C-alpha atoms as a PDB file:
ATOM      1  CA  MET A   1      -0.147  -0.163  -0.015  1.00  0.00           C
ATOM      2  CA  SER A   2       2.978   2.293   1.085  1.00  0.00           C
ATOM      3  CA  LEU A   3       4.836   1.647  -2.443  1.00  0.00           C
ATOM      4  CA  ILE A   4       1.337   2.668  -4.522  1.00  0.00           C
ATOM      5  CA  ARG A   5       1.346   5.971  -2.255  1.00  0.00           C
ATOM      6  CA  THR A   6       4.915   6.760  -3.066  1.00  0.00           C
ATOM      7  CA  ILE A   7       4.471   6.279  -6.816  1.00  0.00           C
ATOM      8  CA  ILE A   8       1.219   8.276  -6.786  1.00  0.00           C
ATOM      9  CA  SER A   9       3.140  11.192  -4.679  1.00  0.00           C
ATOM     10  CA  MET A  10       6.049  10.776  -6.938  1.00  0.00           C
ATOM     11  CA  PHE A  11       4.039  11.545 -10.003  1.00  0.00           C
ATOM     12  CA  SER A  12       2.015  14.246  -8.322  1.00  0.00           C
ATOM     13  CA  ASN A  13       5.253  16.242  -7.967  1.00  0.00           C
ATOM     14  CA  LYS A  14       6.550  18.053 -11.405  1.00  0.00           C
ATOM     15  CA  LYS A  15      10.008  17.840 -10.493  1.00  0.00           C
ATOM     16  CA  SER A  16       9.814  14.160  -9.796  1.00  0.00           C
ATOM     17  CA  LYS A  17       7.876  13.484 -13.160  1.00  0.00           C
ATOM     18  CA  LEU A  18      10.519  15.564 -14.808  1.00  0.00           C
ATOM     19  CA  ILE A  19      13.164  13.531 -13.358  1.00  0.00           C
ATOM     20  CA  PHE A  20      11.535  10.308 -14.170  1.00  0.00           C
ATOM     21  CA  ILE A  21      10.969  11.186 -17.705  1.00  0.00           C
ATOM     22  CA  LEU A  22      14.527  12.586 -18.112  1.00  0.00           C
ATOM     23  CA  ILE A  23      15.884   9.177 -16.506  1.00  0.00           C
ATOM     24  CA  MET A  24      13.923   7.165 -18.832  1.00  0.00           C
ATOM     25  CA  THR A  25      14.732   9.134 -22.039  1.00  0.00           C
ATOM     26  CA  PHE A  26      18.469   8.876 -21.167  1.00  0.00           C
ATOM     27  CA  SER A  27      18.185   5.280 -20.621  1.00  0.00           C
ATOM     28  CA  ILE A  28      16.418   4.468 -24.063  1.00  0.00           C
ATOM     29  CA  ILE A  29      19.121   6.517 -25.714  1.00  0.00           C
ATOM     30  CA  GLU A  30      21.980   4.962 -24.056  1.00  0.00           C
ATOM     31  CA  ILE A  31      20.417   1.397 -24.606  1.00  0.00           C
ATOM     32  CA  ALA A  32      20.161   2.298 -28.286  1.00  0.00           C
ATOM     33  CA  ILE A  33      23.709   3.309 -28.561  1.00  0.00           C
ATOM     34  CA  GLN A  34      24.822   0.627 -26.525  1.00  0.00           C
ATOM     35  CA  SER A  35      22.958  -1.613 -29.042  1.00  0.00           C
ATOM     36  CA  TYR A  36      24.394  -0.088 -31.835  1.00  0.00           C
ATOM     37  CA  ILE A  37      27.705  -0.335 -30.584  1.00  0.00           C
ATOM     38  CA  ILE A  38      27.228  -4.216 -29.809  1.00  0.00           C
ATOM     39  CA  ILE A  39      25.725  -4.904 -33.370  1.00  0.00           C
ATOM     40  CA  SER A  40      28.271  -2.867 -35.048  1.00  0.00           C
ATOM     41  CA  CYS A  41      31.474  -4.176 -33.020  1.00  0.00           C
ATOM     42  CA  LYS A  42      30.072  -7.540 -32.248  1.00  0.00           C
ATOM     43  CA  SER A  43      33.117  -9.265 -33.883  1.00  0.00           C
ATOM     44  CA  MET A  44      35.697  -7.038 -31.896  1.00  0.00           C
ATOM     45  CA  LEU A  45      34.123  -7.206 -28.479  1.00  0.00           C
ATOM     46  CA  PRO A  46      34.245 -10.362 -26.074  1.00  0.00           C
ATOM     47  CA  VAL A  47      30.867 -11.671 -25.074  1.00  0.00           C
ATOM     48  CA  PHE A  48      32.035 -10.910 -21.293  1.00  0.00           C
ATOM     49  CA  ALA A  49      32.304  -7.273 -22.380  1.00  0.00           C
ATOM     50  CA  ILE A  50      29.035  -7.103 -24.033  1.00  0.00           C
ATOM     51  CA  ILE A  51      27.190  -9.064 -21.231  1.00  0.00           C
ATOM     52  CA  LEU A  52      29.174  -6.665 -18.533  1.00  0.00           C
ATOM     53  CA  ASN A  53      28.009  -3.668 -20.471  1.00  0.00           C
ATOM     54  CA  VAL A  54      24.516  -4.444 -20.666  1.00  0.00           C
ATOM     55  CA  LEU A  55      24.446  -5.736 -17.136  1.00  0.00           C
ATOM     56  CA  ALA A  56      26.070  -2.323 -15.723  1.00  0.00           C
ATOM     57  CA  LEU A  57      23.639  -0.344 -17.693  1.00  0.00           C
ATOM     58  CA  LEU A  58      20.424  -2.202 -16.076  1.00  0.00           C
ATOM     59  CA  ILE A  59      21.919  -1.703 -12.742  1.00  0.00           C
ATOM     60  CA  TYR A  60      22.455   1.815 -13.148  1.00  0.00           C
ATOM     61  CA  LEU A  61      18.751   2.250 -14.458  1.00  0.00           C
ATOM     62  CA  CYS A  62      17.375   0.225 -11.541  1.00  0.00           C
ATOM     63  CA  VAL A  63      19.694   2.505  -8.939  1.00  0.00           C
ATOM     64  CA  CYS A  64      18.271   5.615 -10.764  1.00  0.00           C
ATOM     65  CA  ILE A  65      14.650   4.521 -10.518  1.00  0.00           C
ATOM     66  CA  PHE A  66      15.117   3.227  -6.935  1.00  0.00           C
ATOM     67  CA  SER A  67      16.609   6.548  -5.515  1.00  0.00           C
ATOM     68  CA  LEU A  68      13.721   8.258  -7.198  1.00  0.00           C
ATOM     69  CA  PHE A  69      11.383   5.942  -5.419  1.00  0.00           C
ATOM     70  CA  LYS A  70      13.341   6.622  -2.088  1.00  0.00           C
ATOM     71  CA  SER A  71      13.146  10.345  -2.593  1.00  0.00           C
ATOM     72  CA  GLY A  72       9.402  10.302  -3.424  1.00  0.00           C
ATOM     73  CA  LYS A  73       8.702   8.002   0.079  1.00  0.00           C
ATOM     74  CA  LEU A  74      10.809  10.701   1.820  1.00  0.00           C
ATOM     75  CA  GLU A  75       8.659  13.273   0.488  1.00  0.00           C
ATOM     76  CA  VAL A  76       5.518  11.597   1.696  1.00  0.00           C
ATOM     77  CA  MET A  77       7.218  11.019   5.323  1.00  0.00           C
ATOM     78  CA  ASN A  78       8.054  14.670   5.283  1.00  0.00           C
ATOM     79  CA  LYS A  79       4.524  15.802   4.639  1.00  0.00           C
ATOM     80  CA  SER A  80       3.143  13.265   7.393  1.00  0.00           C
ATOM     81  CA  LEU A  81       5.755  14.540   9.868  1.00  0.00           C
ATOM     82  CA  GLU A  82       4.641  18.127   8.963  1.00  0.00           C
ATOM     83  CA  GLU A  83       0.859  17.175   9.479  1.00  0.00           C
ATOM     84  CA  SER A  84       1.876  15.508  12.726  1.00  0.00           C
ATOM     85  CA  LYS A  85       3.517  18.579  14.079  1.00  0.00           C
ATOM     86  CA  LEU A  86       0.751  20.733  12.985  1.00  0.00           C
ATOM     87  CA  TYR A  87      -1.778  18.184  15.024  1.00  0.00           C
ATOM     88  CA  ASN A  88       0.447  18.101  17.949  1.00  0.00           C
ATOM     89  CA  LYS A  89       0.589  21.948  18.082  1.00  0.00           C
ATOM     90  CA  THR A  90      -3.010  22.029  18.101  1.00  0.00           C
ATOM     91  CA  LEU A  91      -3.410  19.549  20.774  1.00  0.00           C
ATOM     92  CA  LYS A  92      -0.954  21.303  22.910  1.00  0.00           C
ATOM     93  CA  ASP A  93      -3.081  24.713  22.425  1.00  0.00           C
ATOM     94  CA  MET A  94      -6.286  23.168  23.268  1.00  0.00           C
ATOM     95  CA  ASN A  95      -4.752  21.268  26.235  1.00  0.00           C
ATOM     96  CA  ASP A  96      -3.465  24.688  27.424  1.00  0.00           C
ATOM     97  CA  ASN A  97      -6.770  26.192  27.020  1.00  0.00           C
ATOM     98  CA  ILE A  98      -8.495  23.608  29.076  1.00  0.00           C
ATOM     99  CA  ARG A  99      -5.783  24.031  31.700  1.00  0.00           C
ATOM    100  CA  THR A 100      -6.670  28.147  31.599  1.00  0.00           C
ATOM    101  CA  PHE A 101     -10.422  27.282  31.980  1.00  0.00           C
ATOM    102  CA  LYS A 102      -9.633  24.778  34.774  1.00  0.00           C
ATOM    103  CA  HIS A 103      -7.729  27.117  36.430  1.00  0.00           C
ATOM    104  CA  ASP A 104     -10.453  29.751  36.240  1.00  0.00           C
ATOM    105  CA  PHE A 105     -13.249  27.580  37.100  1.00  0.00           C
ATOM    106  CA  SER A 106     -11.189  26.564  40.127  1.00  0.00           C
ATOM    107  CA  ASN A 107     -10.875  30.217  41.240  1.00  0.00           C
ATOM    108  CA  ILE A 108     -14.604  30.996  40.485  1.00  0.00           C
ATOM    109  CA  MET A 109     -15.558  28.125  42.461  1.00  0.00           C
ATOM    110  CA  GLN A 110     -13.335  29.167  45.501  1.00  0.00           C
ATOM    111  CA  SER A 111     -14.853  32.540  45.426  1.00  0.00           C
ATOM    112  CA  LEU A 112     -18.435  31.308  45.174  1.00  0.00           C
ATOM    113  CA  GLN A 113     -17.722  29.035  48.130  1.00  0.00           C
ATOM    114  CA  ARG A 114     -16.312  31.836  50.294  1.00  0.00           C
ATOM    115  CA  ILE A 115     -19.166  34.043  49.552  1.00  0.00           C
ATOM    116  CA  TYR A 116     -21.901  31.253  50.455  1.00  0.00           C
ATOM    117  CA  ILE A 117     -19.636  30.292  53.834  1.00  0.00           C
ATOM    118  CA  LYS A 118     -19.860  33.922  54.865  1.00  0.00           C
END
Protein backbone atom coordinates (compact mmCIF):
# COMPACT_ATOMS: atom_id res chain seq x y z
CA MET A 1 0.00 0.00 0.00
CA SER A 2 2.80 2.43 0.85
CA LEU A 3 4.52 1.66 -2.48
CA ILE A 4 1.37 2.70 -4.35
CA ARG A 5 1.14 5.84 -2.22
CA THR A 6 4.81 6.62 -2.98
CA ILE A 7 4.29 6.13 -6.71
CA ILE A 8 1.22 8.36 -6.69
CA SER A 9 3.00 11.08 -4.72
CA MET A 10 6.02 10.77 -6.98
CA PHE A 11 3.97 11.51 -10.06
CA SER A 12 2.01 14.29 -8.39
CA ASN A 13 5.20 16.32 -8.09
CA LYS A 14 6.30 18.05 -11.33
CA LYS A 15 9.98 17.86 -10.43
CA SER A 16 9.81 14.11 -9.87
CA LYS A 17 7.90 13.64 -13.13
CA LEU A 18 10.56 15.56 -15.00
CA ILE A 19 13.39 13.58 -13.40
CA PHE A 20 11.64 10.29 -14.16
CA ILE A 21 11.06 11.28 -17.79
CA LEU A 22 14.68 12.39 -18.15
CA ILE A 23 15.99 9.14 -16.64
CA MET A 24 13.83 7.06 -18.95
CA THR A 25 14.74 9.16 -22.01
CA PHE A 26 18.46 8.97 -21.36
CA SER A 27 18.17 5.27 -20.58
CA ILE A 28 16.43 4.58 -23.89
CA ILE A 29 19.04 6.65 -25.76
CA GLU A 30 21.85 4.82 -23.96
CA ILE A 31 20.30 1.43 -24.68
CA ALA A 32 20.04 2.37 -28.36
CA ILE A 33 23.69 3.52 -28.46
CA GLN A 34 24.88 0.41 -26.65
CA SER A 35 22.83 -1.79 -28.97
CA TYR A 36 24.39 -0.11 -32.00
CA ILE A 37 27.88 -0.55 -30.57
CA ILE A 38 27.22 -4.21 -29.77
CA ILE A 39 25.79 -4.92 -33.23
CA SER A 40 28.45 -3.02 -35.16
CA CYS A 41 31.45 -4.22 -33.11
CA LYS A 42 30.22 -7.69 -32.28
CA SER A 43 33.20 -9.40 -33.88
CA MET A 44 35.72 -7.22 -31.97
CA LEU A 45 34.12 -7.29 -28.51
CA PRO A 46 34.28 -10.34 -26.29
CA VAL A 47 30.96 -11.73 -25.07
CA PHE A 48 31.95 -11.05 -21.46
CA ALA A 49 32.42 -7.32 -22.20
CA ILE A 50 29.03 -7.12 -23.90
CA ILE A 51 27.27 -8.84 -21.02
CA LEU A 52 29.09 -6.70 -18.47
CA ASN A 53 28.21 -3.52 -20.36
CA VAL A 54 24.51 -4.38 -20.59
CA LEU A 55 24.42 -5.51 -16.95
CA ALA A 56 26.06 -2.27 -15.77
CA LEU A 57 23.54 -0.25 -17.75
CA LEU A 58 20.58 -2.14 -16.24
CA ILE A 59 21.99 -1.81 -12.73
CA TYR A 60 22.43 1.93 -13.23
CA LEU A 61 18.85 2.25 -14.46
CA CYS A 62 17.55 0.30 -11.45
CA VAL A 63 19.58 2.43 -9.04
CA CYS A 64 18.23 5.64 -10.59
CA ILE A 65 14.63 4.47 -10.36
CA PHE A 66 15.17 3.13 -6.82
CA SER A 67 16.63 6.46 -5.67
CA LEU A 68 13.71 8.29 -7.28
CA PHE A 69 11.24 6.09 -5.37
CA LYS A 70 13.16 6.63 -2.14
CA SER A 71 13.08 10.39 -2.60
CA GLY A 72 9.32 10.18 -3.24
CA LYS A 73 8.91 8.13 -0.10
CA LEU A 74 10.97 10.69 1.81
CA GLU A 75 8.67 13.46 0.58
CA VAL A 76 5.63 11.51 1.79
CA MET A 77 7.25 11.02 5.18
CA ASN A 78 8.12 14.73 5.41
CA LYS A 79 4.53 15.70 4.61
CA SER A 80 3.27 13.25 7.20
CA LEU A 81 5.72 14.62 9.77
CA GLU A 82 4.62 18.18 9.10
CA GLU A 83 0.96 17.19 9.48
CA SER A 84 1.79 15.43 12.74
CA LYS A 85 3.62 18.51 14.02
CA LEU A 86 0.61 20.70 13.22
CA TYR A 87 -1.72 18.22 14.90
CA ASN A 88 0.47 18.08 18.01
CA LYS A 89 0.60 21.88 18.14
CA THR A 90 -3.18 22.04 17.93
CA LEU A 91 -3.52 19.49 20.72
CA LYS A 92 -1.04 21.41 22.87
CA ASP A 93 -2.97 24.64 22.33
CA MET A 94 -6.24 22.92 23.23
CA ASN A 95 -4.66 21.44 26.34
CA ASP A 96 -3.38 24.86 27.38
CA ASN A 97 -6.87 26.34 26.88
CA ILE A 98 -8.44 23.60 28.98
CA ARG A 99 -5.88 24.10 31.76
CA THR A 100 -6.54 27.85 31.72
CA PHE A 101 -10.28 27.26 31.91
CA LYS A 102 -9.81 24.72 34.70
CA HIS A 103 -7.73 27.19 36.68
CA ASP A 104 -10.25 29.99 36.15
CA PHE A 105 -13.15 27.71 37.01
CA SER A 106 -11.40 26.61 40.18
CA ASN A 107 -10.89 30.23 41.20
CA ILE A 108 -14.54 31.04 40.50
CA MET A 109 -15.70 28.07 42.56
CA GLN A 110 -13.47 29.07 45.46
CA SER A 111 -14.83 32.61 45.31
CA LEU A 112 -18.41 31.34 45.31
CA GLN A 113 -17.63 29.03 48.21
CA ARG A 114 -16.26 31.93 50.24
CA ILE A 115 -19.32 34.01 49.45
CA TYR A 116 -21.78 31.32 50.53
CA ILE A 117 -19.85 30.42 53.65
CA LYS A 118 -19.95 34.01 54.94
